[in-house]
N, C-alpha and C. Protein backbone atom coordinates (compact mmCIF):
# COMPACT_ATOMS: atom_id res chain seq x y z
N UNK A 1 16.46 19.86 4.05
CA UNK A 1 14.99 19.55 3.93
C UNK A 1 14.92 18.17 4.10
N UNK A 2 13.43 17.98 4.66
CA UNK A 2 13.11 16.96 5.10
C UNK A 2 11.99 16.53 4.49
N UNK A 3 12.22 15.41 3.74
CA UNK A 3 11.20 14.71 2.96
C UNK A 3 9.96 14.45 3.20
N UNK A 4 8.82 14.37 3.21
CA UNK A 4 7.87 13.79 2.50
C UNK A 4 7.58 12.87 2.64
N UNK A 5 6.63 12.14 3.80
CA UNK A 5 6.89 10.48 3.59
C UNK A 5 5.72 10.13 2.64
N UNK A 6 6.21 8.88 2.77
CA UNK A 6 5.41 8.07 1.22
C UNK A 6 4.63 6.73 1.55
N UNK A 7 3.47 5.98 1.64
CA UNK A 7 2.92 4.84 1.73
C UNK A 7 2.91 4.12 0.35
N UNK A 8 3.27 2.87 0.33
CA UNK A 8 3.16 2.41 -1.46
C UNK A 8 2.37 0.98 -0.95
N UNK A 9 1.59 0.97 -1.87
CA UNK A 9 0.63 -0.17 -1.86
C UNK A 9 0.35 -0.94 -3.16
N UNK A 10 0.02 -2.24 -2.88
CA UNK A 10 0.49 -2.80 -4.28
C UNK A 10 -0.68 -4.02 -4.43
N UNK A 11 -0.98 -4.21 -5.65
CA UNK A 11 -1.90 -4.98 -5.93
C UNK A 11 -1.59 -6.25 -7.27
N UNK A 12 -2.51 -7.33 -7.06
CA UNK A 12 -2.57 -8.20 -8.40
C UNK A 12 -3.50 -7.95 -9.29
N UNK A 13 -3.38 -8.37 -10.47
CA UNK A 13 -4.84 -8.56 -11.00
C UNK A 13 -5.33 -10.19 -10.75
N UNK A 14 -4.53 -11.15 -10.68
CA UNK A 14 -5.32 -12.16 -10.60
C UNK A 14 -4.07 -12.87 -9.64
N UNK A 15 -4.70 -13.74 -8.78
CA UNK A 15 -3.99 -14.25 -7.43
C UNK A 15 -5.14 -15.37 -6.63
N UNK A 16 -4.85 -16.60 -7.12
CA UNK A 16 -3.81 -17.28 -7.59
C UNK A 16 -3.78 -16.93 -9.32
N UNK A 17 -2.52 -17.44 -9.66
CA UNK A 17 -2.66 -17.30 -11.34
C UNK A 17 -2.23 -18.61 -11.54
N UNK A 18 -2.13 -18.81 -13.36
CA UNK A 18 -1.16 -20.16 -13.70
C UNK A 18 -0.23 -19.68 -14.21
N UNK A 19 0.94 -20.67 -14.26
CA UNK A 19 2.24 -20.53 -14.59
C UNK A 19 2.13 -20.32 -16.24
N UNK A 20 2.68 -19.31 -16.70
CA UNK A 20 2.86 -18.69 -18.18
C UNK A 20 1.26 -17.62 -18.09
N UNK A 21 0.37 -17.22 -17.50
CA UNK A 21 -0.65 -16.42 -17.43
C UNK A 21 0.19 -15.17 -17.07
N UNK A 22 -0.51 -14.06 -17.56
CA UNK A 22 -0.19 -12.74 -17.68
C UNK A 22 -0.98 -12.03 -16.25
N UNK A 23 0.11 -11.71 -15.50
CA UNK A 23 0.28 -11.12 -14.15
C UNK A 23 0.61 -9.72 -14.27
N UNK A 24 -0.37 -8.18 -13.69
CA UNK A 24 -0.39 -7.26 -13.63
C UNK A 24 -0.29 -6.86 -12.41
N UNK A 25 1.15 -6.37 -12.11
CA UNK A 25 1.31 -5.94 -10.29
C UNK A 25 0.80 -4.12 -10.56
N UNK A 26 0.18 -3.72 -9.47
CA UNK A 26 0.13 -2.39 -9.51
C UNK A 26 -0.07 -1.67 -8.47
N UNK A 27 1.16 -1.15 -8.34
CA UNK A 27 1.84 -0.30 -7.03
C UNK A 27 1.39 1.30 -6.92
N UNK A 28 0.67 1.97 -5.67
CA UNK A 28 -0.03 3.08 -5.95
C UNK A 28 0.95 3.95 -4.68
N UNK A 29 1.41 4.92 -4.97
CA UNK A 29 2.48 5.76 -4.23
C UNK A 29 1.73 6.87 -3.48
N UNK A 30 1.19 6.94 -2.43
CA UNK A 30 0.25 8.45 -1.95
C UNK A 30 1.85 9.80 -1.85
N UNK A 31 0.88 10.83 -1.54
CA UNK A 31 1.73 12.68 -1.49
C UNK A 31 1.71 12.77 -3.20
N UNK A 32 1.46 12.04 -4.09
CA UNK A 32 1.16 12.18 -5.32
C UNK A 32 2.93 12.65 -5.89
N UNK A 33 3.30 11.51 -5.52
CA UNK A 33 5.25 11.44 -5.55
C UNK A 33 5.06 10.65 -6.95
N UNK A 34 6.22 11.15 -7.33
CA UNK A 34 6.29 10.85 -9.18
C UNK A 34 8.04 10.02 -8.73
N UNK A 35 7.98 9.44 -9.82
CA UNK A 35 9.33 8.50 -10.35
C UNK A 35 9.04 6.96 -10.27
N UNK A 36 10.41 6.12 -9.96
CA UNK A 36 10.24 5.25 -10.62
C UNK A 36 9.85 4.26 -9.41
N UNK A 37 8.97 2.68 -9.95
CA UNK A 37 8.69 1.57 -8.53
C UNK A 37 9.26 0.80 -9.05
N UNK A 38 10.14 -0.20 -8.16
CA UNK A 38 10.80 -1.60 -8.33
C UNK A 38 10.15 -2.47 -7.91
N UNK A 39 9.30 -3.36 -8.79
CA UNK A 39 8.96 -4.40 -8.04
C UNK A 39 10.12 -5.64 -7.97
N UNK A 40 9.62 -6.19 -6.96
CA UNK A 40 10.47 -7.49 -6.57
C UNK A 40 9.93 -8.57 -6.11
N UNK A 41 10.59 -9.39 -6.34
CA UNK A 41 10.33 -10.92 -6.24
C UNK A 41 11.16 -11.79 -4.78
N UNK A 42 10.96 -11.41 -3.78
CA UNK A 42 11.87 -11.52 -3.27
C UNK A 42 13.16 -10.48 -3.01
N UNK A 43 14.28 -11.14 -3.16
CA UNK A 43 15.40 -9.90 -3.36
C UNK A 43 15.53 -9.67 -4.59
N UNK A 44 15.28 -9.94 -5.87
CA UNK A 44 15.39 -10.39 -6.78
C UNK A 44 14.09 -9.17 -7.59
N UNK A 45 14.93 -8.00 -8.37
CA UNK A 45 14.08 -7.34 -9.34
C UNK A 45 13.57 -8.04 -10.25
N UNK A 46 12.35 -7.83 -10.65
CA UNK A 46 11.66 -8.56 -11.86
C UNK A 46 10.66 -7.52 -12.86
N UNK A 47 11.23 -5.90 -12.65
CA UNK A 47 10.83 -5.11 -13.57
C UNK A 47 10.22 -3.45 -12.70
N UNK A 48 10.32 -2.77 -13.23
CA UNK A 48 9.94 -1.21 -13.28
C UNK A 48 8.92 -0.78 -13.46
N UNK A 49 8.38 0.49 -12.66
CA UNK A 49 7.19 0.85 -13.50
C UNK A 49 6.94 2.59 -13.41
N UNK A 50 7.32 3.38 -13.56
CA UNK A 50 7.17 4.87 -13.23
C UNK A 50 5.92 4.88 -13.30
N UNK A 51 5.55 5.95 -12.22
CA UNK A 51 4.51 6.76 -10.92
C UNK A 51 3.83 7.58 -12.44
N UNK A 52 2.90 6.75 -12.66
CA UNK A 52 1.97 7.27 -14.15
C UNK A 52 0.68 7.24 -12.96
N UNK A 53 0.27 7.37 -11.81
CA UNK A 53 -0.46 7.36 -11.25
C UNK A 53 -1.95 5.71 -11.71
N UNK A 54 -1.23 5.04 -11.32
CA UNK A 54 -0.18 4.15 -10.76
C UNK A 54 0.61 3.62 -11.93
N UNK A 55 2.00 2.84 -11.09
CA UNK A 55 2.54 2.12 -11.74
C UNK A 55 2.38 0.59 -12.01
N UNK A 56 2.77 0.38 -12.86
CA UNK A 56 1.83 -1.04 -13.37
C UNK A 56 3.40 -1.87 -13.86
N UNK A 57 3.53 -3.06 -13.78
CA UNK A 57 3.93 -4.01 -14.00
C UNK A 57 3.84 -5.30 -14.43
N UNK A 58 3.62 -5.90 -15.58
CA UNK A 58 3.19 -7.48 -16.38
C UNK A 58 4.39 -8.47 -16.63
N UNK A 59 3.85 -9.02 -16.42
CA UNK A 59 4.74 -10.27 -16.76
C UNK A 59 3.96 -12.00 -16.29
N UNK A 60 4.62 -12.45 -17.69
CA UNK A 60 3.66 -13.53 -17.75
C UNK A 60 5.24 -14.87 -17.50
N UNK A 61 6.12 -14.40 -16.89
CA UNK A 61 7.31 -15.43 -16.30
C UNK A 61 7.46 -15.93 -14.83
N UNK A 62 6.12 -15.93 -14.11
CA UNK A 62 6.74 -16.57 -12.98
C UNK A 62 6.03 -17.73 -12.91
N UNK A 63 7.02 -18.27 -12.14
CA UNK A 63 7.13 -19.99 -12.65
C UNK A 63 6.32 -20.76 -11.33
N UNK A 64 5.71 -21.69 -11.50
CA UNK A 64 4.78 -22.32 -10.37
C UNK A 64 5.94 -21.89 -8.81
N UNK A 65 4.39 -21.65 -7.94
CA UNK A 65 4.85 -21.80 -6.53
C UNK A 65 4.46 -20.38 -6.23
N UNK A 66 5.19 -20.36 -5.04
CA UNK A 66 4.74 -19.11 -4.79
C UNK A 66 5.69 -17.71 -4.64
N UNK A 67 5.21 -16.60 -4.69
CA UNK A 67 6.07 -15.48 -4.46
C UNK A 67 5.78 -14.52 -3.70
N UNK A 68 7.12 -14.14 -3.27
CA UNK A 68 6.76 -12.69 -2.57
C UNK A 68 7.04 -11.58 -2.97
N UNK A 69 5.96 -10.90 -3.67
CA UNK A 69 6.17 -9.84 -4.39
C UNK A 69 6.39 -8.30 -3.30
N UNK A 70 7.04 -7.79 -3.48
CA UNK A 70 6.83 -5.88 -2.67
C UNK A 70 7.61 -5.24 -3.97
N UNK A 71 6.76 -3.56 -4.30
CA UNK A 71 7.03 -3.01 -4.93
C UNK A 71 7.73 -1.53 -4.01
N UNK A 72 8.61 -1.00 -4.74
CA UNK A 72 9.93 -0.31 -3.74
C UNK A 72 9.70 0.87 -4.60
N UNK A 73 9.24 2.25 -4.03
CA UNK A 73 9.18 3.27 -4.40
C UNK A 73 10.49 3.55 -3.87
N UNK A 74 11.26 4.66 -5.10
CA UNK A 74 12.61 4.95 -5.11
C UNK A 74 12.79 6.24 -4.20
N UNK A 75 12.01 6.83 -4.34
CA UNK A 75 12.16 8.07 -3.44
C UNK A 75 12.59 9.56 -4.76
N UNK A 76 11.98 10.58 -4.03
CA UNK A 76 12.81 11.60 -4.62
C UNK A 76 13.45 13.02 -4.08
N UNK A 77 13.31 13.62 -4.76
CA UNK A 77 14.30 15.37 -4.05
C UNK A 77 12.89 15.56 -2.96
N UNK A 78 11.96 15.51 -3.21
CA UNK A 78 10.59 15.87 -2.02
C UNK A 78 10.14 14.53 -1.30
N UNK A 79 10.37 13.20 -1.67
CA UNK A 79 9.41 12.18 -1.09
C UNK A 79 10.57 11.59 -0.52
N UNK A 80 10.05 10.49 0.77
CA UNK A 80 10.79 9.34 1.33
C UNK A 80 10.50 7.82 0.20
N UNK A 81 11.39 7.12 0.46
CA UNK A 81 11.62 5.95 0.07
C UNK A 81 10.72 5.08 0.57
N UNK A 82 9.19 4.51 0.24
CA UNK A 82 9.03 3.54 0.89
C UNK A 82 8.65 1.71 0.41
N UNK A 83 8.29 1.15 0.74
CA UNK A 83 8.31 -0.35 0.57
C UNK A 83 6.69 -0.51 0.96
N UNK A 84 6.20 -1.53 0.01
CA UNK A 84 4.32 -2.40 0.49
C UNK A 84 5.03 -3.14 1.30
N UNK A 85 3.82 -3.62 1.72
CA UNK A 85 3.65 -5.01 2.68
C UNK A 85 4.14 -6.03 1.41
N UNK A 86 4.10 -7.07 2.24
CA UNK A 86 4.76 -8.13 1.17
C UNK A 86 3.29 -8.59 0.49
N UNK A 87 3.39 -9.45 -0.86
CA UNK A 87 1.81 -10.03 -1.51
C UNK A 87 2.32 -11.40 -2.41
N UNK A 88 1.72 -12.12 -1.74
CA UNK A 88 2.14 -13.41 -1.98
C UNK A 88 1.78 -13.72 -2.95
N UNK A 89 2.52 -13.81 -4.47
CA UNK A 89 1.23 -14.52 -5.04
C UNK A 89 1.66 -15.96 -5.22
N UNK A 90 0.38 -16.48 -5.48
CA UNK A 90 0.66 -18.24 -5.78
C UNK A 90 0.37 -18.51 -7.24
N UNK A 91 1.48 -19.18 -7.58
CA UNK A 91 1.53 -19.61 -9.22
C UNK A 91 1.57 -21.04 -9.25
N UNK A 92 -0.14 -21.30 -9.98
CA UNK A 92 -0.10 -22.90 -10.12
C UNK A 92 0.26 -23.49 -11.00
N UNK A 93 0.63 -24.66 -11.15
CA UNK A 93 1.17 -25.15 -12.28
C UNK A 93 0.26 -25.66 -13.66
N UNK A 94 0.20 -25.46 -14.99
CA UNK A 94 -0.71 -25.55 -15.41
C UNK A 94 -0.57 -26.88 -16.16
N UNK A 95 -1.66 -27.69 -15.88
CA UNK A 95 -1.71 -29.57 -16.09
C UNK A 95 -2.41 -29.32 -17.36
N UNK A 96 -1.88 -30.17 -18.16
CA UNK A 96 -2.87 -30.95 -19.66
C UNK A 96 -3.96 -31.22 -18.97
N UNK A 97 -5.08 -31.34 -19.69
CA UNK A 97 -6.77 -32.37 -19.24
C UNK A 97 -6.49 -33.09 -20.23
N UNK A 98 -6.61 -34.66 -19.29
CA UNK A 98 -6.69 -35.55 -20.23
C UNK A 98 -7.78 -35.53 -21.58
N UNK A 99 -7.24 -36.78 -22.22
CA UNK A 99 -8.17 -36.56 -23.80
C UNK A 99 -9.39 -37.17 -23.38
N UNK A 100 -10.49 -36.64 -23.96
CA UNK A 100 -11.86 -36.97 -24.09
C UNK A 100 -12.47 -36.25 -22.72
N UNK A 101 -11.85 -35.47 -21.64
CA UNK A 101 -12.36 -34.59 -20.88
C UNK A 101 -12.93 -33.53 -21.30
């Protein structure tokens, strides 16, 4: 049986963000596919979300710098695996405001 093709898209709730700020990543998979989406920072898994149209993952643990985030749909009995285009999430360091400003 041939599995149906899928396309995964990824969005960030805020980009750039600040260190310690909550960011929600949203993955949408075409074709009405169901199952799990894995969110990665490079090769490192940072979380998962169930496709409940769409899948989301929220984190405030991203360190300052640039992070290459992808969403990977795991596939199921009817639909093929797909990976989103990379999203570069920029996280700025939080700087203390000097007194008197």
